[in-house]
Amino acid sequence: MPFFKRNIPNFFSIFRVISIPFIALLALGEQKTGYIICALLFLLASLTDYIDGFLARKMGVVSKLGANLDLAADKLLVISCLILLSILFRDVFIYLPTFIISLREIYITRLRIISERNPELRVIEVNLSGKIKTVLQMVAIFTLFISFHPSHYSLILENLGKILLWIALAQTMISLANYLLERRR
């Protein structure tokens, strides 16, 4: 299989990483239309999380590199956007989940790296709990980004985004517990 075709799913993961500075520029630009474009770019980047895995399985090109790139792209996108939202909102109801979610993601990444380097340790695959966590995080982030666009619904969307972020935080902790329990087996 040609190099390009074999790596199409990886290009989607790379797109997620490349989109981060553009999302930041749009969000920090304080333009009304910039917030909408920022939210839509984040949504597009988030959707590529599903697309890359789907394509890799469908095309039969699932690889360790692709799986690791996918996980790294997800974590970079989520943590970067949460930090960006913390800067924009300056609100403890965003700071606290951002801090805890970021710590969890860094800790799990560290455990995965240790597991992959040590043949005696079993590498834990991503499970449903982790996928739900990622979806909730991305929906919360999208909702918070869209709430920055001035409208009659801005405050409702902001509060909904904060609630979703706290739900995502709860799911993040549940997925951490599931990961640690699975690792002990």
Protein backbone atom coordinates (compact mmCIF):
# COMPACT_ATOMS: atom_id res chain seq x y z
CA MET A 1 0.00 0.00 0.00
CA PRO A 2 1.40 3.44 -0.93
CA PHE A 3 2.73 5.66 1.86
CA PHE A 4 0.08 8.36 1.39
CA LYS A 5 -2.86 5.95 1.43
CA ARG A 6 -1.46 4.06 4.42
CA ASN A 7 -1.16 7.31 6.40
CA ILE A 8 -4.48 9.01 5.58
CA PRO A 9 -5.82 8.35 9.11
CA ASN A 10 -2.64 9.84 10.61
CA PHE A 11 -3.12 13.01 8.56
CA PHE A 12 -6.43 13.54 10.36
CA SER A 13 -4.67 13.26 13.72
CA ILE A 14 -2.01 15.71 12.55
CA PHE A 15 -4.77 18.08 11.43
CA ARG A 16 -6.07 18.15 15.02
CA VAL A 17 -2.66 19.27 16.27
CA ILE A 18 -2.18 21.82 13.49
CA SER A 19 -5.63 23.31 14.15
CA ILE A 20 -4.71 24.28 17.74
CA PRO A 21 -2.84 27.54 16.97
CA PHE A 22 -5.57 28.61 14.55
CA ILE A 23 -8.25 27.95 17.18
CA ALA A 24 -6.22 30.02 19.64
CA LEU A 25 -5.74 32.91 17.21
CA LEU A 26 -9.44 32.99 16.39
CA ALA A 27 -10.50 32.80 20.04
CA LEU A 28 -8.05 35.43 21.24
CA GLY A 29 -8.77 37.74 18.30
CA GLU A 30 -11.97 38.97 19.98
CA GLN A 31 -13.85 39.18 16.69
CA LYS A 32 -17.53 38.24 16.73
CA THR A 33 -17.19 36.03 13.68
CA GLY A 34 -13.87 34.70 14.99
CA TYR A 35 -15.62 32.96 17.88
CA ILE A 36 -17.99 31.16 15.53
CA ILE A 37 -15.16 30.15 13.19
CA CYS A 38 -13.12 29.07 16.24
CA ALA A 39 -15.98 26.90 17.50
CA LEU A 40 -16.54 25.38 14.05
CA LEU A 41 -12.83 24.68 13.58
CA PHE A 42 -12.76 23.00 16.98
CA LEU A 43 -15.85 20.96 16.01
CA LEU A 44 -14.19 19.91 12.75
CA ALA A 45 -10.98 18.97 14.58
CA SER A 46 -13.02 17.01 17.13
CA LEU A 47 -14.85 15.09 14.42
CA THR A 48 -11.54 13.97 12.94
CA ASP A 49 -11.05 11.97 16.14
CA TYR A 50 -13.81 9.65 14.95
CA ILE A 51 -12.79 9.79 11.29
CA ASP A 52 -9.15 8.74 11.77
CA GLY A 53 -10.03 5.63 13.77
CA PHE A 54 -12.85 4.69 11.41
CA LEU A 55 -10.61 5.02 8.36
CA ALA A 56 -7.73 3.14 9.95
CA ARG A 57 -10.01 0.18 10.74
CA LYS A 58 -11.83 0.29 7.39
CA MET A 59 -8.61 0.55 5.37
CA GLY A 60 -6.82 -2.06 7.51
CA VAL A 61 -4.00 0.33 8.43
CA VAL A 62 -4.31 0.32 12.22
CA SER A 63 -0.84 0.87 13.67
CA LYS A 64 0.82 1.57 16.99
CA LEU A 65 2.06 4.90 15.62
CA GLY A 66 -1.46 5.85 14.50
CA ALA A 67 -3.00 4.89 17.84
CA ASN A 68 -0.39 6.89 19.76
CA LEU A 69 -0.69 9.85 17.41
CA ASP A 70 -4.47 9.80 17.83
CA LEU A 71 -4.22 9.80 21.62
CA ALA A 72 -1.61 12.56 21.63
CA ALA A 73 -3.66 14.70 19.23
CA ASP A 74 -6.77 14.30 21.40
CA LYS A 75 -4.93 15.26 24.57
CA LEU A 76 -3.18 18.23 22.96
CA LEU A 77 -6.42 19.53 21.47
CA VAL A 78 -8.43 19.15 24.68
CA ILE A 79 -5.81 20.49 27.10
CA SER A 80 -4.87 23.41 24.83
CA CYS A 81 -8.48 24.44 24.36
CA LEU A 82 -9.27 24.09 28.07
CA ILE A 83 -6.32 26.34 28.91
CA LEU A 84 -7.49 28.77 26.24
CA LEU A 85 -11.00 28.79 27.72
CA SER A 86 -9.52 29.37 31.18
CA ILE A 87 -7.77 32.45 29.82
CA LEU A 88 -10.92 33.69 28.10
CA PHE A 89 -13.37 33.11 30.95
CA ARG A 90 -11.15 33.70 34.00
CA ASP A 91 -13.56 31.60 36.02
CA VAL A 92 -12.82 29.06 38.75
CA PHE A 93 -15.58 26.85 37.33
CA ILE A 94 -13.36 26.42 34.29
CA TYR A 95 -9.93 26.64 35.99
CA LEU A 96 -10.52 23.73 38.33
CA PRO A 97 -11.75 21.18 35.76
CA THR A 98 -9.00 22.32 33.38
CA PHE A 99 -6.35 21.69 36.01
CA ILE A 100 -7.69 18.27 37.06
CA ILE A 101 -8.38 17.07 33.51
CA SER A 102 -4.90 18.17 32.41
CA LEU A 103 -3.26 16.33 35.32
CA ARG A 104 -5.25 13.19 34.54
CA GLU A 105 -4.28 13.28 30.86
CA ILE A 106 -0.59 13.80 31.64
CA TYR A 107 -0.65 11.01 34.26
CA ILE A 108 -2.36 8.51 31.95
CA THR A 109 0.02 9.39 29.11
CA ARG A 110 2.95 8.76 31.44
CA LEU A 111 1.51 5.37 32.46
CA ARG A 112 0.97 4.42 28.81
CA ILE A 113 4.57 5.30 27.92
CA ILE A 114 5.88 3.27 30.86
CA SER A 115 3.67 0.32 29.87
CA GLU A 116 4.83 0.39 26.26
CA ARG A 117 8.50 0.46 27.26
CA ASN A 118 8.20 -2.34 29.79
CA PRO A 119 7.28 -5.72 28.23
CA GLU A 120 6.15 -7.05 31.63
CA LEU A 121 3.41 -4.44 31.85
CA ARG A 122 0.24 -4.73 29.86
CA VAL A 123 -0.74 -1.76 27.69
CA ILE A 124 -4.37 -0.89 28.42
CA GLU A 125 -6.39 -0.16 25.31
CA VAL A 126 -8.76 2.79 25.15
CA ASN A 127 -12.15 1.69 26.43
CA LEU A 128 -15.71 3.01 26.27
CA SER A 129 -15.28 5.04 29.45
CA GLY A 130 -12.35 6.91 27.91
CA LYS A 131 -14.25 7.50 24.67
CA ILE A 132 -17.23 8.91 26.56
CA LYS A 133 -14.83 11.15 28.50
CA THR A 134 -13.35 12.53 25.30
CA VAL A 135 -16.77 13.17 23.72
CA LEU A 136 -18.03 14.95 26.85
CA GLN A 137 -14.89 17.08 27.02
CA MET A 138 -15.19 18.05 23.37
CA VAL A 139 -18.91 18.86 23.61
CA ALA A 140 -18.26 21.03 26.68
CA ILE A 141 -15.41 22.86 24.95
CA PHE A 142 -17.46 23.45 21.81
CA THR A 143 -20.38 24.78 23.87
CA LEU A 144 -18.08 27.15 25.77
CA PHE A 145 -16.46 28.41 22.56
CA ILE A 146 -19.85 29.01 20.93
CA SER A 147 -21.06 30.87 24.03
CA PHE A 148 -18.50 33.60 23.32
CA HIS A 149 -20.40 34.69 20.23
CA PRO A 150 -22.70 37.49 21.41
CA SER A 151 -26.33 36.41 21.25
CA HIS A 152 -29.43 36.11 23.39
CA TYR A 153 -28.29 32.58 24.25
CA SER A 154 -24.70 33.35 25.29
CA LEU A 155 -25.30 33.12 29.05
CA ILE A 156 -27.38 29.95 28.68
CA LEU A 157 -24.68 28.36 26.52
CA GLU A 158 -21.94 29.47 28.92
CA ASN A 159 -23.73 27.91 31.90
CA LEU A 160 -24.54 24.77 29.90
CA GLY A 161 -20.88 24.55 28.84
CA LYS A 162 -19.73 24.82 32.46
CA ILE A 163 -22.19 22.12 33.55
CA LEU A 164 -21.02 19.88 30.71
CA LEU A 165 -17.41 20.54 31.67
CA TRP A 166 -18.09 19.39 35.23
CA ILE A 167 -19.89 16.31 33.91
CA ALA A 168 -16.85 15.69 31.70
CA LEU A 169 -14.64 16.09 34.78
CA ALA A 170 -16.68 13.44 36.61
CA GLN A 171 -16.39 11.09 33.62
CA THR A 172 -12.68 11.87 33.43
CA MET A 173 -12.25 10.68 37.02
CA ILE A 174 -14.39 7.59 36.35
CA SER A 175 -12.26 6.71 33.32
CA LEU A 176 -9.11 7.22 35.41
CA ALA A 177 -10.44 4.81 38.04
CA ASN A 178 -11.39 2.30 35.34
CA TYR A 179 -7.94 2.58 33.79
CA LEU A 180 -6.18 2.05 37.12
CA LEU A 181 -8.41 -0.93 38.00
CA GLU A 182 -7.81 -2.49 34.59
CA ARG A 183 -4.08 -1.95 34.96
CA ARG A 184 -4.04 -3.85 38.28
CA ARG A 185 -5.47 -7.00 36.66
